[in-house]
Amino acid sequence: MPLEPRVKRFLDLLAAGNPPDPRTASVEARRQGLIALMQFSGPQIALARVDEVTLPLPHISLAARVYSPHADAATLPGLIYFHGGGLVAGSIATHDGIARALADGGRVRVISVDYRLAPEARFPSALEDAGAAVSYIAAHCTDFGLDPDRLVVCGDSAGATLAAATCQALARVGEPRLALQLLLCPILDYSRKSPSRETLSSGYLVDEATLDHDLLYYLPDGVQPSDPKVSPLLADDLTGLPRTIIHTAEFDPLRDEGREYSERLARANIEVAYTCHPGMIHLFYGLGGVIPYARTAFKQIGEELRAALAAL
């Protein structure tokens, strides 16, 4: 189907603003651009409480936010969330609306982690932060009011890169055991151009030039984009991964990576649910102020989360 009309109007509005060329933009311009974009997230969802915490990890202390839904209880399923932003931009503040929607729709306690960004902290810093954060939270479920048997790792866009690679790393060592991974418009292969990246390379919010810009600042010399820790779609072994939910968008250049990962997981006998949202673009779920369909998508995501966790 064609672009949803409100999505097209939004893209036309962005284009009329004459945005800077991603190939020559500074990292600071990239960060400010994402901050401005996330102002379109829509009205703030009210929750039972939101707490600012610090995760004292072995190698660094990271800020995090704990989101408790109105279905608050002493113990709830936990969802550890990594925000998008190409691993060079974004924060727990920019993606606050997404974290709130996940907590509200899934009736889970969300812990959003403020991992380090490049180029100040290049690969593998963010991945080390993600793995350590998941391990720490899993070891302190009682402190956070989480059910240790119902832990979810989630990320959107480049945050989903971290989520997928972290789940793979934890599956190899066998702990902590995770109930589910949730990947929203994931970036899963930086090494090659899929058909969707070829046909949707510009004009659909995330340009190929933006992906190249971010990778330039994220990867240090000597690290190849084909490294499975960078491109988790390319991992040889997918055994032991948790049940997986993947959502992509029809007009997202990253669409095919999410679909291909779902197919690989299914072949590895991992239970997987895949949804491609028609007429939508990358990050549509985080732009509810201009794309009302975001609320519909989060309703579905929340229902999938609750059903998967209730089945445990």
Protein backbone atom coordinates (compact mmCIF):
# COMPACT_ATOMS: atom_id res chain seq x y z
CA MET A 1 0.00 0.00 0.00
CA PRO A 2 1.15 3.63 -0.39
CA LEU A 3 2.46 5.79 2.43
CA GLU A 4 -0.26 6.59 4.93
CA PRO A 5 -1.39 10.17 4.07
CA ARG A 6 -0.43 11.68 7.44
CA VAL A 7 2.96 10.02 7.19
CA LYS A 8 3.48 11.53 3.74
CA ARG A 9 2.49 14.99 4.99
CA PHE A 10 4.94 14.66 7.86
CA LEU A 11 7.78 13.66 5.53
CA ASP A 12 6.94 16.56 3.23
CA LEU A 13 7.04 18.91 6.22
CA LEU A 14 10.47 17.63 7.24
CA ALA A 15 11.79 17.96 3.70
CA ALA A 16 10.48 21.54 3.46
CA GLY A 17 12.60 22.40 6.48
CA ASN A 18 15.73 21.80 4.38
CA PRO A 19 17.45 19.46 6.87
CA PRO A 20 21.26 19.31 6.85
CA ASP A 21 23.02 16.74 4.69
CA PRO A 22 23.68 13.73 6.98
CA ARG A 23 26.98 13.08 5.21
CA THR A 24 28.43 16.38 6.38
CA ALA A 25 26.47 17.00 9.59
CA SER A 26 28.32 16.98 12.88
CA VAL A 27 27.46 14.55 15.66
CA GLU A 28 26.04 17.43 17.67
CA ALA A 29 23.76 18.37 14.75
CA ARG A 30 22.66 14.72 14.56
CA ARG A 31 21.84 14.76 18.27
CA GLN A 32 19.95 18.02 18.14
CA GLY A 33 18.02 16.78 15.13
CA LEU A 34 16.86 13.70 17.01
CA ILE A 35 15.86 15.79 20.02
CA ALA A 36 13.73 17.97 17.73
CA LEU A 37 12.24 14.93 15.98
CA MET A 38 11.20 13.27 19.23
CA GLN A 39 9.18 16.35 20.16
CA PHE A 40 6.55 14.77 17.90
CA SER A 41 6.09 11.85 20.29
CA GLY A 42 2.69 13.13 21.39
CA PRO A 43 1.04 13.60 24.80
CA GLN A 44 2.85 12.05 27.74
CA ILE A 45 1.26 8.83 29.02
CA ALA A 46 0.61 9.00 32.76
CA LEU A 47 2.00 6.10 34.79
CA ALA A 48 1.92 5.09 38.44
CA ARG A 49 5.47 6.40 38.87
CA VAL A 50 8.75 7.11 37.10
CA ASP A 51 11.98 6.87 39.11
CA GLU A 52 15.48 8.03 38.26
CA VAL A 53 18.07 5.46 39.30
CA THR A 54 21.73 4.66 38.82
CA LEU A 55 23.01 1.25 37.73
CA PRO A 56 26.38 0.64 39.46
CA LEU A 57 27.87 -1.66 36.83
CA PRO A 58 31.33 -3.22 37.27
CA HIS A 59 32.95 -0.93 34.69
CA ILE A 60 30.80 2.22 34.91
CA SER A 61 27.70 3.72 36.55
CA LEU A 62 24.84 4.46 34.16
CA ALA A 63 21.70 6.51 34.59
CA ALA A 64 18.39 4.74 34.05
CA ARG A 65 14.66 5.36 34.44
CA VAL A 66 12.21 2.89 35.95
CA TYR A 67 8.66 3.17 34.60
CA SER A 68 5.89 1.53 36.62
CA PRO A 69 2.46 1.18 34.96
CA HIS A 70 -0.89 1.80 36.59
CA ALA A 71 -1.18 -1.97 37.05
CA ASP A 72 1.58 -1.46 39.63
CA ALA A 73 2.33 -4.29 42.01
CA ALA A 74 5.17 -5.36 44.24
CA THR A 75 6.44 -7.61 41.46
CA LEU A 76 5.88 -7.21 37.73
CA PRO A 77 7.43 -8.52 34.53
CA GLY A 78 10.46 -6.43 33.64
CA LEU A 79 11.43 -4.92 30.30
CA ILE A 80 14.97 -3.58 29.84
CA TYR A 81 14.89 -0.99 27.07
CA PHE A 82 17.65 0.45 24.86
CA HIS A 83 16.74 3.59 22.89
CA GLY A 84 17.46 4.29 19.25
CA GLY A 85 19.59 7.05 17.76
CA GLY A 86 22.21 5.32 15.67
CA LEU A 87 24.40 4.69 18.74
CA VAL A 88 25.56 8.31 18.49
CA ALA A 89 22.38 10.14 19.55
CA GLY A 90 19.34 9.76 21.78
CA SER A 91 18.89 9.27 25.51
CA ILE A 92 16.41 8.08 28.10
CA ALA A 93 14.94 11.60 27.86
CA THR A 94 14.41 11.66 24.09
CA HIS A 95 12.75 8.22 24.12
CA ASP A 96 10.73 8.75 27.28
CA GLY A 97 7.45 8.47 25.35
CA ILE A 98 8.33 5.05 23.93
CA ALA A 99 9.30 3.73 27.36
CA ARG A 100 6.01 5.00 28.79
CA ALA A 101 4.00 3.36 26.00
CA LEU A 102 5.75 0.04 26.56
CA ALA A 103 5.10 0.14 30.29
CA ASP A 104 1.48 1.13 29.84
CA GLY A 105 0.59 -1.23 27.00
CA GLY A 106 2.57 -4.24 28.21
CA ARG A 107 1.80 -3.76 31.91
CA VAL A 108 5.48 -4.27 32.57
CA ARG A 109 8.00 -2.35 34.65
CA VAL A 110 10.36 -0.77 32.14
CA ILE A 111 13.99 0.06 32.89
CA SER A 112 15.36 2.40 30.22
CA VAL A 113 19.17 2.42 30.19
CA ASP A 114 21.28 5.47 29.25
CA TYR A 115 24.18 3.61 27.63
CA ARG A 116 27.27 5.44 26.37
CA LEU A 117 27.27 6.96 22.89
CA ALA A 118 29.88 7.26 20.16
CA PRO A 119 32.16 8.89 19.23
CA GLU A 120 33.02 9.62 22.88
CA ALA A 121 32.67 5.87 23.54
CA ARG A 122 32.99 3.84 20.36
CA PHE A 123 32.19 0.16 19.81
CA PRO A 124 32.08 -2.01 21.87
CA SER A 125 31.28 0.42 24.72
CA ALA A 126 27.49 0.56 24.20
CA LEU A 127 27.32 -3.21 23.82
CA GLU A 128 29.35 -3.71 27.00
CA ASP A 129 26.99 -1.34 28.81
CA ALA A 130 23.94 -3.20 27.52
CA GLY A 131 25.21 -6.63 28.53
CA ALA A 132 26.32 -5.47 31.96
CA ALA A 133 23.01 -3.65 32.54
CA VAL A 134 20.93 -6.73 31.70
CA SER A 135 23.09 -8.93 33.94
CA TYR A 136 22.94 -6.44 36.82
CA ILE A 137 19.19 -5.96 36.61
CA ALA A 138 18.61 -9.71 36.36
CA ALA A 139 20.71 -10.21 39.51
CA HIS A 140 18.77 -7.52 41.39
CA CYS A 141 15.18 -8.27 40.36
CA THR A 142 13.95 -7.99 43.94
CA ASP A 143 15.35 -4.46 44.23
CA PHE A 144 13.51 -3.38 41.08
CA GLY A 145 10.28 -5.28 41.77
CA LEU A 146 10.76 -7.59 38.78
CA ASP A 147 9.78 -11.19 38.22
CA PRO A 148 13.07 -12.95 37.36
CA ASP A 149 11.21 -15.49 35.21
CA ARG A 150 9.62 -12.80 33.05
CA LEU A 151 12.43 -10.55 31.86
CA VAL A 152 12.30 -8.91 28.43
CA VAL A 153 15.13 -7.22 26.53
CA CYS A 154 13.88 -4.58 24.09
CA GLY A 155 15.32 -1.99 21.76
CA ASP A 156 14.24 0.18 18.89
CA SER A 157 16.32 0.98 15.81
CA ALA A 158 20.00 0.96 16.87
CA GLY A 159 18.86 0.14 20.40
CA ALA A 160 17.50 -3.06 18.89
CA THR A 161 21.01 -3.75 17.55
CA LEU A 162 22.18 -3.74 21.16
CA ALA A 163 19.20 -5.79 22.33
CA ALA A 164 19.69 -8.48 19.69
CA ALA A 165 23.47 -8.70 20.14
CA THR A 166 23.08 -8.80 23.94
CA CYS A 167 20.55 -11.62 23.74
CA GLN A 168 22.93 -13.56 21.52
CA ALA A 169 25.82 -13.05 23.94
CA LEU A 170 23.75 -14.12 26.95
CA ALA A 171 22.41 -17.17 25.10
CA ARG A 172 25.99 -18.32 24.52
CA VAL A 173 26.83 -18.24 28.23
CA GLY A 174 23.40 -19.44 29.33
CA GLU A 175 22.62 -16.73 31.86
CA PRO A 176 20.72 -14.76 32.78
CA ARG A 177 17.76 -16.54 31.24
CA LEU A 178 15.47 -14.18 29.33
CA ALA A 179 11.79 -14.71 28.59
CA LEU A 180 11.53 -12.54 25.49
CA GLN A 181 13.22 -10.09 23.16
CA LEU A 182 11.25 -7.30 21.49
CA LEU A 183 12.81 -5.54 18.49
CA LEU A 184 11.20 -2.43 16.98
CA CYS A 185 12.37 -1.40 13.49
CA PRO A 186 15.74 -3.01 14.26
CA ILE A 187 19.06 -2.27 12.57
CA LEU A 188 20.54 -5.76 12.26
CA ASP A 189 23.03 -5.62 9.38
CA TYR A 190 25.36 -2.67 8.80
CA SER A 191 27.46 -4.61 6.30
CA ARG A 192 25.30 -4.76 3.18
CA LYS A 193 22.38 -3.11 1.45
CA SER A 194 19.19 -5.15 1.44
CA PRO A 195 16.56 -4.53 -1.26
CA SER A 196 14.61 -2.25 1.10
CA ARG A 197 17.76 -0.23 1.81
CA GLU A 198 18.29 0.13 -1.93
CA THR A 199 14.73 1.17 -2.83
CA LEU A 200 14.10 3.34 0.26
CA SER A 201 17.56 4.85 0.53
CA SER A 202 16.36 8.44 0.87
CA GLY A 203 13.21 10.36 1.68
CA TYR A 204 11.82 8.01 4.33
CA LEU A 205 13.11 9.59 7.57
CA VAL A 206 16.19 7.36 7.87
CA ASP A 207 18.50 7.84 4.89
CA GLU A 208 21.34 5.61 3.83
CA ALA A 209 23.57 8.62 4.39
CA THR A 210 22.44 8.80 8.03
CA LEU A 211 23.28 5.12 8.58
CA ASP A 212 26.71 5.67 7.03
CA HIS A 213 27.26 8.79 9.17
CA ASP A 214 26.45 6.97 12.39
CA LEU A 215 28.58 3.94 11.55
CA LEU A 216 31.54 6.20 10.78
CA TYR A 217 31.48 7.54 14.33
CA TYR A 218 30.50 4.27 16.02
CA LEU A 219 33.12 1.86 14.67
CA PRO A 220 36.82 2.27 15.48
CA ASP A 221 39.47 1.45 12.92
CA GLY A 222 39.89 -2.28 12.37
CA VAL A 223 36.34 -3.34 13.26
CA GLN A 224 34.30 -4.56 10.31
CA PRO A 225 30.55 -3.89 9.94
CA SER A 226 30.16 -7.63 9.27
CA ASP A 227 31.18 -8.46 12.85
CA PRO A 228 28.08 -10.15 14.35
CA LYS A 229 28.42 -7.95 17.42
CA VAL A 230 27.83 -5.00 15.07
CA SER A 231 25.43 -6.80 12.72
CA PRO A 232 23.63 -9.48 14.77
CA LEU A 233 21.75 -10.74 11.70
CA LEU A 234 25.07 -12.28 10.62
CA ALA A 235 25.60 -14.41 13.74
CA ASP A 236 26.22 -18.05 12.84
CA ASP A 237 24.45 -19.56 15.85
CA LEU A 238 20.99 -18.44 16.97
CA THR A 239 20.25 -21.38 19.25
CA GLY A 240 19.14 -20.67 22.80
CA LEU A 241 17.61 -17.29 22.06
CA PRO A 242 14.37 -16.34 23.79
CA ARG A 243 10.99 -16.04 22.17
CA THR A 244 11.09 -13.00 19.87
CA ILE A 245 8.69 -10.29 18.71
CA ILE A 246 9.79 -8.13 15.77
CA HIS A 247 7.97 -5.10 14.34
CA THR A 248 9.02 -3.36 11.13
CA ALA A 249 7.50 -0.73 8.82
CA GLU A 250 6.69 -1.04 5.13
CA PHE A 251 8.57 2.12 4.13
CA ASP A 252 11.58 1.64 6.39
CA PRO A 253 14.90 0.95 4.63
CA LEU A 254 15.65 -1.45 7.50
CA ARG A 255 12.48 -3.48 6.91
CA ASP A 256 14.13 -6.45 5.21
CA GLU A 257 16.67 -6.95 8.02
CA GLY A 258 13.91 -7.47 10.55
CA ARG A 259 12.03 -9.85 8.27
CA GLU A 260 15.16 -11.85 7.46
CA TYR A 261 16.04 -12.14 11.15
CA SER A 262 12.56 -13.44 11.92
CA GLU A 263 12.99 -16.06 9.19
CA ARG A 264 16.40 -17.12 10.52
CA LEU A 265 15.02 -17.40 14.05
CA ALA A 266 12.14 -19.56 12.83
CA ARG A 267 14.57 -21.87 11.04
CA ALA A 268 16.52 -22.13 14.31
CA ASN A 269 13.27 -23.24 16.04
CA ILE A 270 12.97 -20.02 18.03
CA GLU A 271 9.37 -18.96 18.53
CA VAL A 272 8.99 -15.67 16.69
CA ALA A 273 6.17 -13.26 15.79
CA TYR A 274 6.75 -10.79 12.96
CA THR A 275 4.65 -7.76 12.00
CA CYS A 276 5.29 -5.28 9.18
CA HIS A 277 3.13 -2.17 9.56
CA PRO A 278 1.71 -1.05 6.21
CA GLY A 279 2.16 2.54 5.11
CA MET A 280 4.55 3.33 7.97
CA ILE A 281 8.11 4.64 8.20
CA HIS A 282 11.02 4.06 10.56
CA LEU A 283 10.31 5.23 14.12
CA PHE A 284 6.60 5.76 13.39
CA TYR A 285 5.77 4.28 16.82
CA GLY A 286 7.68 7.12 18.49
CA LEU A 287 5.92 9.90 16.56
CA GLY A 288 2.40 9.58 17.91
CA GLY A 289 1.90 13.35 17.89
CA VAL A 290 1.79 13.35 14.08
CA ILE A 291 1.16 9.67 13.29
CA PRO A 292 -1.92 8.54 15.25
CA TYR A 293 -1.40 4.96 14.07
CA ALA A 294 1.44 4.77 16.61
CA ARG A 295 -1.19 4.23 19.31
CA THR A 296 -2.67 1.32 17.34
CA ALA A 297 0.75 -0.24 16.97
CA PHE A 298 1.53 0.09 20.68
CA LYS A 299 -1.82 -1.51 21.50
CA GLN A 300 -0.81 -4.52 19.43
CA ILE A 301 2.70 -4.59 20.89
CA GLY A 302 1.29 -4.40 24.40
CA GLU A 303 -1.15 -7.24 23.73
CA GLU A 304 1.66 -9.39 22.32
CA LEU A 305 3.83 -8.66 25.35
CA ARG A 306 1.10 -9.52 27.82
CA ALA A 307 0.12 -12.71 25.98
CA ALA A 308 3.71 -13.93 25.71
CA LEU A 309 4.47 -13.23 29.36
CA ALA A 310 1.18 -14.71 30.57
CA ALA A 311 2.03 -17.96 28.80
CA LEU A 312 5.14 -18.48 30.94
